[in-house]
Amino acid sequence: MDNIGGQAVIEGVMMKSHGGWTVAVRDPKGEIHIKRQPMDARRGFMKLPFIRGVVALLDALVIGVKAIDFSASKAYIEEDEKPLTPLAMGLTILSAFGLAVAIFILLPLYLTKLIPGTADSSLWFNMIDGVIRVAFFILYVFLIGLWKDMARIFEYHGAEHKAIHAYEEGLELEVGSVRAFSPHHPRCGTSFLFIVMILSIFIFSLIPHSWGFVMKFLSRIVLIPVIAGVSYETLKLSSKMKDNPFVNIMIQPGLLLQRLTTREPDESQIEVAIVALKEAVALSGNK
């Protein structure tokens, strides 16, 4: 069985298999539009532990921007719809990356520096830095969830998870059977980000405490690929061993966090997720 991943987009769902990725989007008139993109044969990197985590992260960024661009062009009726140029896509990714670095790395690091006593212990410094980072992430997710349009995306996020659950259980991909599953999934990107933040506390502890603020900040940027690689392997391991009692306990914080990033979808949203999943499975040559 193919390992399926996905992402909620504007009024739709993106699904990805080893054969490619697809997006299904419902327009204002109720029609479902589909975009199919076969994957090339460069997947050798995905067999290399830790390296594949970095490749998967870059893939997720590029595919995510393309999927959102397509969904926006269909969910909102536009007279002149044009796909993003490579330059525009690159600038979009860089802008998103820069904003994430500023909010979740630079600002927590600066605030930690201002707290009295943090200069005395490297472990204490990184624990405080990590707690602030996690708090910022939870607050960020909570606040954007109050936005009506984002709440709709969170509903499609739940539909994506339900469809993948049904597929992994070998059930017929029909609304009735898919609806019964949980909107939370252990391989969710939310869980991945939570693992990233927890592991970063320990990996950032390797940075010499005597370094100045600028060096600490730059070294955190350099270590992002390392954290991504380790987090990816951790997520894959936890997914394979989800029935293990210890692992089950370890994945609970990520699943709990998904209560902020998923909502219970309606049947029309589940239908869109099923369409995207079937198309992704077809691209991989499975049925």
Foldseek 3Di string as FASTA:
>chain_A
DWDKDWAFEQQWIKIATQQWIKIWHAAPVGDIDMDTDGDDPPCPLCVDFLSVLLVVVVVCLLVVQQRNLVRVCRHDPDPDRDGDDPVRSVVVSVVVVVVCLVQQPVVLLVVLVVDPPLLVDLLSSLVSSLVSNVVSVLVVLQVVCVDPSQVQSQALLLLLQLQVVCVVVVHDLDLVNSLPDGSFDLLDVLLLVVQLSVVLSVVLSVPDSPDDSVVSSVVSVVCSSSSSSVSVVLSVVLNVVCVPPVSVVVSVVSRVSSVSRHDNHDSSSNVSSSVRVVSNCVSVVHD
